[in-house]
């Protein structure tokens, strides 16, 4: 058990070092972008890029100065103090990671498509048709004059209801066998 813990810690340290190098590269790119934007007379946007570069460098330094156990402890502590912010941040990081993996899978390392009509990311390009039932359609509605087709039958007996208008212009449902259903006078 102790050997497994040591191996996991070693792998996490390796990943942490790789992450700090990546963040350092992003910080340098942001700094260069900020300088270019300032040279192109876009001072406010250049300042934003340089502030982002400084924040990335601070974060990279924070990761370099601590070991994995310290980082895990501080994340746990922050999650207990600010659960809503932590969950929101985790959700945002998840979206960014999903977007990153999706965009990286669209490149040279992606698997070939099985259909030439399918374009990644566009659902409208998928060839789709609704499922076809082997049962014939059942018309469950019938008007008084049968203008809309037949009615559903159960065991040969017509079970649909139609509507007739009586003398008082009230809509009164009637059974299709001919017996009229009258509203009660209680209503």
N, C-alpha and C. Protein backbone atom coordinates (compact mmCIF):
# COMPACT_ATOMS: atom_id res chain seq x y z
N UNK A 1 0.83 -1.18 0.00
CA UNK A 1 0.00 0.00 0.00
C UNK A 1 0.87 1.25 0.00
N UNK A 2 1.96 1.21 0.78
CA UNK A 2 2.86 2.36 0.86
C UNK A 2 3.57 2.57 -0.48
N UNK A 3 3.89 1.47 -1.17
CA UNK A 3 4.55 1.57 -2.46
C UNK A 3 3.61 2.21 -3.50
N UNK A 4 2.34 1.86 -3.47
CA UNK A 4 1.36 2.43 -4.40
C UNK A 4 1.20 3.92 -4.13
N UNK A 5 1.14 4.32 -2.87
CA UNK A 5 1.01 5.73 -2.52
C UNK A 5 2.23 6.52 -3.02
N UNK A 6 3.41 5.95 -2.86
CA UNK A 6 4.64 6.60 -3.32
C UNK A 6 4.63 6.75 -4.83
N UNK A 7 4.18 5.71 -5.52
CA UNK A 7 4.13 5.76 -6.97
C UNK A 7 3.12 6.82 -7.46
N UNK A 8 1.95 6.90 -6.83
CA UNK A 8 0.95 7.90 -7.20
C UNK A 8 1.47 9.30 -6.93
N UNK A 9 2.12 9.50 -5.80
CA UNK A 9 2.68 10.81 -5.46
C UNK A 9 3.74 11.20 -6.47
N UNK A 10 4.56 10.26 -6.87
CA UNK A 10 5.59 10.53 -7.87
C UNK A 10 4.97 10.95 -9.21
N UNK A 11 3.93 10.25 -9.62
CA UNK A 11 3.26 10.60 -10.87
C UNK A 11 2.61 11.98 -10.77
N UNK A 12 1.99 12.27 -9.62
CA UNK A 12 1.36 13.59 -9.44
C UNK A 12 2.41 14.71 -9.46
N UNK A 13 3.56 14.46 -8.86
CA UNK A 13 4.64 15.46 -8.89
C UNK A 13 5.10 15.70 -10.33
N UNK A 14 5.22 14.64 -11.10
CA UNK A 14 5.61 14.76 -12.49
C UNK A 14 4.58 15.57 -13.28
N UNK A 15 3.31 15.30 -13.05
CA UNK A 15 2.24 16.05 -13.72
C UNK A 15 2.25 17.51 -13.27
N UNK A 16 2.53 17.74 -12.01
CA UNK A 16 2.60 19.11 -11.48
C UNK A 16 3.72 19.88 -12.15
N UNK A 17 4.87 19.25 -12.31
CA UNK A 17 6.00 19.91 -12.97
C UNK A 17 5.66 20.23 -14.43
N UNK A 18 5.01 19.31 -15.10
CA UNK A 18 4.61 19.55 -16.48
C UNK A 18 3.61 20.70 -16.56
N UNK A 19 2.68 20.74 -15.62
CA UNK A 19 1.68 21.80 -15.58
C UNK A 19 2.32 23.16 -15.33
N UNK A 20 3.28 23.22 -14.40
CA UNK A 20 3.93 24.50 -14.14
C UNK A 20 4.71 24.99 -15.36
N UNK A 21 5.33 24.08 -16.09
CA UNK A 21 6.02 24.47 -17.32
C UNK A 21 5.03 24.99 -18.37
N UNK A 22 3.89 24.34 -18.49
CA UNK A 22 2.87 24.77 -19.45
C UNK A 22 2.33 26.15 -19.07
N UNK A 23 2.03 26.33 -17.80
CA UNK A 23 1.52 27.62 -17.34
C UNK A 23 2.56 28.72 -17.55
N UNK A 24 3.81 28.39 -17.31
CA UNK A 24 4.88 29.35 -17.57
C UNK A 24 4.93 29.75 -19.03
N UNK A 25 4.76 28.80 -19.94
CA UNK A 25 4.72 29.09 -21.37
C UNK A 25 3.53 29.96 -21.75
N UNK A 26 2.37 29.69 -21.13
CA UNK A 26 1.18 30.50 -21.39
C UNK A 26 1.41 31.93 -20.88
N UNK A 27 2.03 32.05 -19.73
CA UNK A 27 2.30 33.38 -19.18
C UNK A 27 3.22 34.17 -20.11
N UNK A 28 4.23 33.51 -20.65
CA UNK A 28 5.15 34.19 -21.57
C UNK A 28 4.43 34.61 -22.85
N UNK A 29 3.57 33.75 -23.36
CA UNK A 29 2.81 34.08 -24.57
C UNK A 29 1.87 35.26 -24.31
N UNK A 30 1.22 35.27 -23.14
CA UNK A 30 0.35 36.39 -22.79
C UNK A 30 1.14 37.69 -22.67
N UNK A 31 2.32 37.60 -22.09
CA UNK A 31 3.16 38.80 -21.95
C UNK A 31 3.56 39.35 -23.33
N UNK A 32 3.96 38.48 -24.24
CA UNK A 32 4.31 38.92 -25.59
C UNK A 32 3.10 39.51 -26.32
N UNK A 33 1.95 38.89 -26.13
CA UNK A 33 0.73 39.41 -26.74
C UNK A 33 0.41 40.80 -26.22
N UNK A 34 0.56 40.98 -24.90
CA UNK A 34 0.32 42.29 -24.30
C UNK A 34 1.25 43.35 -24.87
N UNK A 35 2.53 43.01 -25.05
CA UNK A 35 3.49 43.95 -25.61
C UNK A 35 3.13 44.30 -27.06
N UNK A 36 2.74 43.31 -27.84
CA UNK A 36 2.35 43.56 -29.23
C UNK A 36 1.11 44.44 -29.30
N UNK A 37 0.16 44.19 -28.42
CA UNK A 37 -1.05 45.01 -28.41
C UNK A 37 -0.74 46.45 -28.03
N UNK A 38 0.17 46.65 -27.10
CA UNK A 38 0.57 48.02 -26.74
C UNK A 38 1.26 48.71 -27.91
N UNK A 39 2.06 47.98 -28.66
CA UNK A 39 2.72 48.57 -29.83
C UNK A 39 1.71 48.93 -30.91
N UNK A 40 0.56 48.26 -30.93
CA UNK A 40 -0.47 48.53 -31.93
C UNK A 40 -1.50 49.53 -31.39
N UNK A 41 -1.13 50.27 -30.34
CA UNK A 41 -1.99 51.30 -29.74
C UNK A 41 -3.29 50.73 -29.18
N UNK A 42 -3.23 49.54 -28.64
CA UNK A 42 -4.39 48.94 -27.97
C UNK A 42 -4.02 48.73 -26.50
N UNK A 43 -3.75 49.84 -25.85
CA UNK A 43 -3.25 49.85 -24.47
C UNK A 43 -4.14 49.08 -23.49
N UNK A 44 -5.48 49.30 -23.46
CA UNK A 44 -6.30 48.59 -22.45
C UNK A 44 -6.26 47.07 -22.60
N UNK A 45 -6.32 46.60 -23.83
CA UNK A 45 -6.29 45.15 -24.05
C UNK A 45 -4.90 44.60 -23.73
N UNK A 46 -3.87 45.37 -24.04
CA UNK A 46 -2.51 44.97 -23.71
C UNK A 46 -2.31 44.85 -22.21
N UNK A 47 -2.89 45.79 -21.45
CA UNK A 47 -2.79 45.72 -19.98
C UNK A 47 -3.49 44.47 -19.44
N UNK A 48 -4.64 44.15 -20.02
CA UNK A 48 -5.36 42.95 -19.57
C UNK A 48 -4.52 41.70 -19.83
N UNK A 49 -3.90 41.63 -21.00
CA UNK A 49 -3.06 40.47 -21.32
C UNK A 49 -1.87 40.37 -20.38
N UNK A 50 -1.26 41.50 -20.04
CA UNK A 50 -0.12 41.48 -19.11
C UNK A 50 -0.54 41.12 -17.70
N UNK A 51 -1.72 41.57 -17.28
CA UNK A 51 -2.22 41.17 -15.95
C UNK A 51 -2.49 39.67 -15.90
N UNK A 52 -3.03 39.15 -16.98
CA UNK A 52 -3.26 37.70 -17.05
C UNK A 52 -1.94 36.95 -17.01
N UNK A 53 -0.92 37.49 -17.67
CA UNK A 53 0.41 36.86 -17.65
C UNK A 53 0.98 36.86 -16.24
N UNK A 54 0.81 37.97 -15.52
CA UNK A 54 1.30 38.04 -14.13
C UNK A 54 0.57 37.03 -13.24
N UNK A 55 -0.75 36.91 -13.43
CA UNK A 55 -1.52 35.95 -12.63
C UNK A 55 -1.08 34.52 -12.94
N UNK A 56 -0.83 34.23 -14.20
CA UNK A 56 -0.38 32.88 -14.57
C UNK A 56 1.00 32.60 -13.98
N UNK A 57 1.88 33.60 -13.96
CA UNK A 57 3.22 33.41 -13.36
C UNK A 57 3.12 33.19 -11.86
N UNK A 58 2.23 33.93 -11.19
CA UNK A 58 2.04 33.72 -9.74
C UNK A 58 1.54 32.31 -9.46
N UNK A 59 0.58 31.86 -10.25
CA UNK A 59 0.04 30.52 -10.06
C UNK A 59 1.10 29.46 -10.32
N UNK A 60 1.89 29.65 -11.35
CA UNK A 60 2.98 28.72 -11.65
C UNK A 60 3.99 28.67 -10.51
N UNK A 61 4.32 29.84 -9.97
CA UNK A 61 5.23 29.89 -8.82
C UNK A 61 4.66 29.21 -7.60
N UNK A 62 3.35 29.40 -7.36
CA UNK A 62 2.68 28.75 -6.24
C UNK A 62 2.80 27.22 -6.36
N UNK A 63 2.56 26.71 -7.57
CA UNK A 63 2.65 25.27 -7.78
C UNK A 63 4.07 24.75 -7.61
N UNK A 64 5.06 25.51 -8.06
CA UNK A 64 6.46 25.08 -7.95
C UNK A 64 6.93 25.04 -6.51
N UNK A 65 6.43 25.93 -5.66
CA UNK A 65 6.90 26.04 -4.28
C UNK A 65 6.29 24.98 -3.36
N UNK A 66 5.23 24.32 -3.77
CA UNK A 66 4.55 23.38 -2.89
C UNK A 66 4.60 21.97 -3.46
N UNK A 67 4.53 21.00 -2.54
CA UNK A 67 4.43 19.62 -3.01
C UNK A 67 2.95 19.27 -3.19
N UNK A 68 2.69 18.09 -3.73
CA UNK A 68 1.34 17.68 -4.08
C UNK A 68 0.43 17.65 -2.86
N UNK A 69 0.93 17.14 -1.73
CA UNK A 69 0.10 17.04 -0.53
C UNK A 69 -0.34 18.42 -0.04
N UNK A 70 0.55 19.41 -0.09
CA UNK A 70 0.19 20.76 0.32
C UNK A 70 -0.88 21.36 -0.61
N UNK A 71 -0.74 21.10 -1.88
CA UNK A 71 -1.71 21.62 -2.85
C UNK A 71 -3.09 21.00 -2.61
N UNK A 72 -3.11 19.69 -2.37
CA UNK A 72 -4.38 19.00 -2.11
C UNK A 72 -5.02 19.55 -0.83
N UNK A 73 -4.22 19.75 0.21
CA UNK A 73 -4.75 20.29 1.46
C UNK A 73 -5.33 21.69 1.27
N UNK A 74 -4.64 22.54 0.50
CA UNK A 74 -5.18 23.89 0.30
C UNK A 74 -6.43 23.89 -0.55
N UNK A 75 -6.53 22.98 -1.52
CA UNK A 75 -7.75 22.89 -2.32
C UNK A 75 -8.91 22.41 -1.46
N UNK A 76 -8.66 21.42 -0.61
CA UNK A 76 -9.71 20.93 0.30
C UNK A 76 -10.18 22.03 1.24
N UNK A 77 -9.25 22.77 1.78
CA UNK A 77 -9.58 23.85 2.69
C UNK A 77 -10.42 24.93 1.99
N UNK A 78 -10.02 25.30 0.79
CA UNK A 78 -10.76 26.31 0.04
C UNK A 78 -12.16 25.81 -0.31
N UNK A 79 -12.28 24.54 -0.66
CA UNK A 79 -13.58 23.97 -0.98
C UNK A 79 -14.51 23.99 0.22
N UNK A 80 -13.98 23.81 1.41
CA UNK A 80 -14.80 23.88 2.62
C UNK A 80 -15.22 25.31 2.93
N UNK A 81 -14.33 26.27 2.69
CA UNK A 81 -14.62 27.67 2.99
C UNK A 81 -15.55 28.30 1.96
N UNK A 82 -15.38 27.99 0.70
CA UNK A 82 -16.14 28.59 -0.40
C UNK A 82 -16.70 27.49 -1.31
N UNK A 83 -17.68 26.72 -0.85
CA UNK A 83 -18.15 25.59 -1.67
C UNK A 83 -18.77 26.02 -3.00
N UNK A 84 -19.53 27.10 -3.02
CA UNK A 84 -20.18 27.52 -4.26
C UNK A 84 -19.14 27.95 -5.30
N UNK A 85 -18.15 28.70 -4.87
CA UNK A 85 -17.10 29.15 -5.78
C UNK A 85 -16.29 27.95 -6.26
N UNK A 86 -16.02 27.02 -5.37
CA UNK A 86 -15.25 25.84 -5.74
C UNK A 86 -16.00 25.01 -6.78
N UNK A 87 -17.29 24.77 -6.55
CA UNK A 87 -18.07 23.97 -7.50
C UNK A 87 -18.18 24.69 -8.84
N UNK A 88 -18.40 26.00 -8.80
CA UNK A 88 -18.46 26.77 -10.04
C UNK A 88 -17.15 26.72 -10.80
N UNK A 89 -16.04 26.85 -10.08
CA UNK A 89 -14.73 26.77 -10.71
C UNK A 89 -14.46 25.39 -11.28
N UNK A 90 -14.84 24.36 -10.54
CA UNK A 90 -14.65 23.00 -11.03
C UNK A 90 -15.48 22.76 -12.29
N UNK A 91 -16.70 23.31 -12.31
CA UNK A 91 -17.55 23.18 -13.49
C UNK A 91 -16.92 23.89 -14.69
N UNK A 92 -16.43 25.11 -14.46
CA UNK A 92 -15.79 25.87 -15.55
C UNK A 92 -14.54 25.14 -16.06
N UNK A 93 -13.73 24.61 -15.15
CA UNK A 93 -12.55 23.86 -15.57
C UNK A 93 -12.94 22.61 -16.35
N UNK A 94 -14.02 21.97 -15.94
CA UNK A 94 -14.51 20.79 -16.67
C UNK A 94 -14.93 21.14 -18.09
N UNK A 95 -15.63 22.28 -18.23
CA UNK A 95 -16.02 22.71 -19.57
C UNK A 95 -14.80 23.01 -20.43
N UNK A 96 -13.83 23.71 -19.84
CA UNK A 96 -12.61 24.03 -20.59
C UNK A 96 -11.86 22.75 -20.98
N UNK A 97 -11.76 21.82 -20.06
CA UNK A 97 -11.06 20.57 -20.36
C UNK A 97 -11.80 19.79 -21.45
N UNK A 98 -13.12 19.75 -21.38
CA UNK A 98 -13.89 19.04 -22.41
C UNK A 98 -13.70 19.70 -23.76
N UNK A 99 -13.70 21.02 -23.78
CA UNK A 99 -13.50 21.74 -25.04
C UNK A 99 -12.08 21.49 -25.58
N UNK A 100 -11.11 21.48 -24.68
CA UNK A 100 -9.73 21.22 -25.09
C UNK A 100 -9.60 19.83 -25.69
N UNK A 101 -10.16 18.82 -25.01
CA UNK A 101 -10.05 17.45 -25.51
C UNK A 101 -10.82 17.28 -26.81
N UNK A 102 -11.96 17.95 -26.95
CA UNK A 102 -12.72 17.86 -28.19
C UNK A 102 -11.94 18.49 -29.33
N UNK A 103 -11.34 19.65 -29.10
CA UNK A 103 -10.59 20.30 -30.18
C UNK A 103 -9.32 19.54 -30.51
N UNK A 104 -8.69 18.93 -29.52
CA UNK A 104 -7.48 18.17 -29.81
C UNK A 104 -7.80 16.85 -30.50
N UNK A 105 -9.00 16.31 -30.30
CA UNK A 105 -9.36 15.06 -30.98
C UNK A 105 -9.78 15.30 -32.42
N UNK A 106 -10.11 16.54 -32.80
CA UNK A 106 -10.47 16.84 -34.19
C UNK A 106 -9.25 16.93 -35.09
N UNK A 107 -8.07 16.91 -34.52
CA UNK A 107 -6.84 17.08 -35.29
C UNK A 107 -6.37 15.78 -35.92
N UNK A 108 -5.04 15.71 -36.10
CA UNK A 108 -4.44 14.57 -36.80
C UNK A 108 -4.60 13.26 -36.06
N UNK A 109 -4.74 13.29 -34.74
CA UNK A 109 -4.83 12.06 -33.98
C UNK A 109 -6.22 11.51 -33.87
N UNK A 110 -7.20 12.12 -34.54
CA UNK A 110 -8.56 11.65 -34.38
C UNK A 110 -8.81 10.42 -35.25
N UNK A 111 -9.81 9.67 -34.87
CA UNK A 111 -10.18 8.48 -35.60
C UNK A 111 -10.96 8.87 -36.85
N UNK A 112 -10.85 8.10 -37.93
CA UNK A 112 -11.60 8.44 -39.14
C UNK A 112 -13.10 8.27 -38.91
N UNK A 113 -13.86 9.07 -39.58
CA UNK A 113 -15.31 9.03 -39.47
C UNK A 113 -15.84 7.80 -40.21
N UNK A 114 -16.92 7.22 -39.68
CA UNK A 114 -17.50 6.05 -40.32
C UNK A 114 -18.48 6.44 -41.40
N UNK A 115 -18.92 7.69 -41.43
CA UNK A 115 -19.86 8.16 -42.43
C UNK A 115 -19.34 9.43 -43.05
N UNK A 116 -19.33 9.49 -44.37
CA UNK A 116 -18.83 10.69 -45.04
C UNK A 116 -19.81 11.84 -44.92
N UNK A 117 -21.06 11.59 -44.54
CA UNK A 117 -22.05 12.65 -44.43
C UNK A 117 -22.01 13.32 -43.06
N UNK A 118 -21.24 12.80 -42.14
CA UNK A 118 -21.23 13.32 -40.78
C UNK A 118 -20.11 14.32 -40.60
N UNK A 119 -20.42 15.47 -40.04
CA UNK A 119 -19.43 16.49 -39.75
C UNK A 119 -19.39 16.68 -38.24
N UNK A 120 -18.22 16.55 -37.60
CA UNK A 120 -18.15 16.69 -36.14
C UNK A 120 -18.69 18.03 -35.69
N UNK A 121 -19.54 18.00 -34.65
CA UNK A 121 -20.05 19.22 -34.06
C UNK A 121 -21.32 19.75 -34.69
N UNK A 122 -21.80 19.15 -35.75
CA UNK A 122 -23.00 19.63 -36.41
C UNK A 122 -24.03 18.52 -36.47
N UNK A 123 -25.03 18.58 -35.60
CA UNK A 123 -26.04 17.54 -35.52
C UNK A 123 -26.92 17.53 -36.77
N UNK A 124 -27.06 18.69 -37.44
CA UNK A 124 -27.93 18.75 -38.61
C UNK A 124 -27.39 17.94 -39.77
N UNK A 125 -26.10 17.62 -39.76
CA UNK A 125 -25.53 16.88 -40.88
C UNK A 125 -25.66 15.37 -40.72
N UNK A 126 -26.22 14.92 -39.62
CA UNK A 126 -26.39 13.48 -39.40
C UNK A 126 -27.59 12.99 -40.19
N UNK A 127 -27.40 11.92 -40.94
CA UNK A 127 -28.52 11.32 -41.66
C UNK A 127 -29.37 10.56 -40.66
N UNK A 128 -30.61 11.04 -40.45
CA UNK A 128 -31.48 10.45 -39.46
C UNK A 128 -32.89 10.42 -40.00
N UNK A 129 -33.59 9.34 -39.71
CA UNK A 129 -35.01 9.28 -40.02
C UNK A 129 -35.71 8.65 -38.82
N UNK A 130 -36.97 9.04 -38.60
CA UNK A 130 -37.67 8.49 -37.44
C UNK A 130 -37.89 7.00 -37.59
N UNK A 131 -38.02 6.28 -36.48
CA UNK A 131 -38.26 4.84 -36.57
C UNK A 131 -39.61 4.56 -37.22
N UNK A 132 -39.68 3.47 -37.97
CA UNK A 132 -40.89 3.08 -38.67
C UNK A 132 -41.54 1.95 -37.91
N UNK A 133 -42.82 2.08 -37.64
CA UNK A 133 -43.55 1.05 -36.92
C UNK A 133 -44.12 0.04 -37.91
N UNK A 134 -44.18 -1.21 -37.50
CA UNK A 134 -44.77 -2.24 -38.37
C UNK A 134 -46.28 -2.29 -38.21
N UNK A 135 -46.83 -1.56 -37.23
CA UNK A 135 -48.27 -1.55 -37.01
C UNK A 135 -48.91 -0.46 -37.85
N UNK A 136 -50.10 -0.71 -38.39
CA UNK A 136 -50.77 0.33 -39.17
C UNK A 136 -51.23 1.46 -38.27
N UNK A 137 -51.32 2.68 -38.78
CA UNK A 137 -51.77 3.80 -37.96
C UNK A 137 -53.21 3.61 -37.55
N UNK A 138 -53.54 4.07 -36.36
CA UNK A 138 -54.89 3.95 -35.84
C UNK A 138 -55.47 5.35 -35.75
N UNK A 139 -56.62 5.57 -36.39
CA UNK A 139 -57.29 6.86 -36.32
C UNK A 139 -58.24 6.82 -35.14
N UNK A 140 -57.95 7.57 -34.11
CA UNK A 140 -58.77 7.52 -32.89
C UNK A 140 -59.79 8.63 -32.83
N UNK A 141 -59.87 9.46 -33.86
CA UNK A 141 -60.82 10.57 -33.85
C UNK A 141 -61.81 10.42 -35.00
N UNK A 142 -63.03 10.76 -34.75
CA UNK A 142 -64.07 10.67 -35.77
C UNK A 142 -65.03 11.81 -35.56
N UNK A 143 -65.33 12.51 -36.59
CA UNK A 143 -66.29 13.60 -36.47
C UNK A 143 -67.69 13.06 -36.66
N UNK A 144 -68.70 13.91 -36.43
CA UNK A 144 -70.09 13.49 -36.54
C UNK A 144 -70.43 13.09 -37.96
N UNK A 145 -69.81 13.76 -38.94
CA UNK A 145 -70.15 13.44 -40.32
C UNK A 145 -69.10 12.53 -40.97
N UNK A 146 -68.20 11.97 -40.20
CA UNK A 146 -67.16 11.05 -40.66
C UNK A 146 -66.26 11.66 -41.71
N UNK A 147 -66.08 12.96 -41.68
CA UNK A 147 -65.24 13.64 -42.67
C UNK A 147 -63.77 13.37 -42.44
N UNK A 148 -63.38 12.97 -41.24
CA UNK A 148 -61.97 12.77 -40.91
C UNK A 148 -61.57 11.32 -40.81
N UNK A 149 -62.29 10.43 -41.37
CA UNK A 149 -61.88 9.04 -41.39
C UNK A 149 -62.61 8.19 -40.40
N UNK A 150 -62.17 6.94 -40.31
CA UNK A 150 -62.82 5.96 -39.46
C UNK A 150 -62.48 6.13 -38.00
N UNK A 151 -63.05 5.30 -37.19
CA UNK A 151 -62.83 5.35 -35.75
C UNK A 151 -62.14 4.08 -35.31
N UNK A 152 -61.51 4.15 -34.13
CA UNK A 152 -60.85 2.97 -33.57
C UNK A 152 -61.90 1.97 -33.15
N UNK A 153 -61.59 0.71 -33.33
CA UNK A 153 -62.54 -0.32 -32.92
C UNK A 153 -61.84 -1.27 -31.99
N UNK A 154 -62.60 -1.83 -31.08
CA UNK A 154 -62.08 -2.84 -30.16
C UNK A 154 -62.98 -4.05 -30.27
N UNK A 155 -62.47 -5.10 -30.83
CA UNK A 155 -63.26 -6.32 -30.97
C UNK A 155 -64.46 -6.13 -31.89
N UNK A 156 -64.35 -5.25 -32.87
CA UNK A 156 -65.44 -5.04 -33.81
C UNK A 156 -66.45 -4.00 -33.34
N UNK A 157 -66.36 -3.54 -32.09
CA UNK A 157 -67.31 -2.56 -31.58
C UNK A 157 -66.69 -1.18 -31.65
N UNK A 158 -67.41 -0.25 -32.17
CA UNK A 158 -66.93 1.11 -32.31
C UNK A 158 -66.91 1.77 -30.93
N UNK A 159 -65.73 2.20 -30.49
CA UNK A 159 -65.61 2.76 -29.14
C UNK A 159 -65.31 4.25 -29.13
N UNK A 160 -65.28 4.89 -30.29
CA UNK A 160 -64.94 6.31 -30.30
C UNK A 160 -66.15 7.15 -29.93
N UNK A 161 -65.88 8.36 -29.52
CA UNK A 161 -66.92 9.30 -29.19
C UNK A 161 -66.96 10.36 -30.27
N UNK A 162 -68.13 10.85 -30.58
CA UNK A 162 -68.26 11.98 -31.50
C UNK A 162 -69.02 13.07 -30.77
N UNK A 163 -69.13 14.22 -31.39
CA UNK A 163 -69.82 15.33 -30.74
C UNK A 163 -70.97 15.79 -31.61
N UNK A 164 -72.12 16.02 -31.00
CA UNK A 164 -73.28 16.57 -31.68
C UNK A 164 -73.66 17.86 -30.97
N UNK A 165 -74.27 18.76 -31.70
CA UNK A 165 -74.74 20.01 -31.10
C UNK A 165 -76.25 19.90 -30.98
N UNK A 166 -76.76 20.05 -29.76
CA UNK A 166 -78.20 19.94 -29.57
C UNK A 166 -78.87 21.29 -29.82
N UNK A 167 -80.14 21.38 -29.50
CA UNK A 167 -80.93 22.57 -29.81
C UNK A 167 -80.44 23.81 -29.09
N UNK A 168 -79.87 23.70 -27.89
CA UNK A 168 -79.42 24.87 -27.13
C UNK A 168 -77.99 25.28 -27.52
N UNK A 169 -77.47 24.76 -28.60
CA UNK A 169 -76.11 25.03 -29.08
C UNK A 169 -75.05 24.63 -28.07
N UNK A 170 -75.33 23.63 -27.26
CA UNK A 170 -74.34 23.08 -26.34
C UNK A 170 -73.67 21.90 -27.01
N UNK A 171 -72.41 21.73 -26.76
CA UNK A 171 -71.69 20.59 -27.28
C UNK A 171 -71.95 19.41 -26.37
N UNK A 172 -72.53 18.36 -26.92
CA UNK A 172 -72.91 17.20 -26.13
C UNK A 172 -72.23 15.98 -26.73
N UNK A 173 -71.37 15.28 -25.95
CA UNK A 173 -70.76 14.07 -26.49
C UNK A 173 -71.80 12.96 -26.60
N UNK A 174 -71.67 12.20 -27.65
CA UNK A 174 -72.59 11.07 -27.83
C UNK A 174 -71.77 9.83 -28.11
N UNK A 175 -72.27 8.71 -27.68
CA UNK A 175 -71.62 7.44 -27.98
C UNK A 175 -71.86 7.14 -29.45
N UNK A 176 -70.91 6.57 -30.12
CA UNK A 176 -71.03 6.35 -31.55
C UNK A 176 -72.04 5.26 -31.89
N UNK A 177 -72.54 4.52 -30.90
CA UNK A 177 -73.55 3.50 -31.17
C UNK A 177 -74.94 4.12 -31.34
N UNK A 178 -75.02 5.46 -31.13
CA UNK A 178 -76.30 6.10 -31.35
C UNK A 178 -77.00 6.54 -30.09
N UNK A 179 -76.61 6.02 -28.92
CA UNK A 179 -77.26 6.45 -27.70
C UNK A 179 -76.68 7.79 -27.28
N UNK A 180 -77.53 8.73 -27.03
CA UNK A 180 -77.11 10.10 -26.74
C UNK A 180 -76.85 10.26 -25.25
N UNK A 181 -75.81 10.97 -24.91
CA UNK A 181 -75.48 11.24 -23.53
C UNK A 181 -75.87 12.68 -23.28
N UNK A 182 -76.77 12.92 -22.35
CA UNK A 182 -77.26 14.26 -22.03
C UNK A 182 -76.59 14.77 -20.76
N UNK A 183 -76.29 16.08 -20.72
CA UNK A 183 -75.76 16.63 -19.48
C UNK A 183 -76.85 16.66 -18.43
N UNK A 184 -76.46 16.48 -17.18
CA UNK A 184 -77.46 16.47 -16.13
C UNK A 184 -77.95 17.88 -15.85
N UNK A 185 -79.14 18.00 -15.29
CA UNK A 185 -79.70 19.31 -14.97
C UNK A 185 -79.08 19.88 -13.71
N UNK A 186 -78.26 19.07 -12.99
CA UNK A 186 -77.62 19.54 -11.76
C UNK A 186 -76.58 20.61 -12.04
N UNK A 187 -76.00 20.62 -13.22
CA UNK A 187 -74.91 21.52 -13.54
C UNK A 187 -75.30 22.92 -13.81
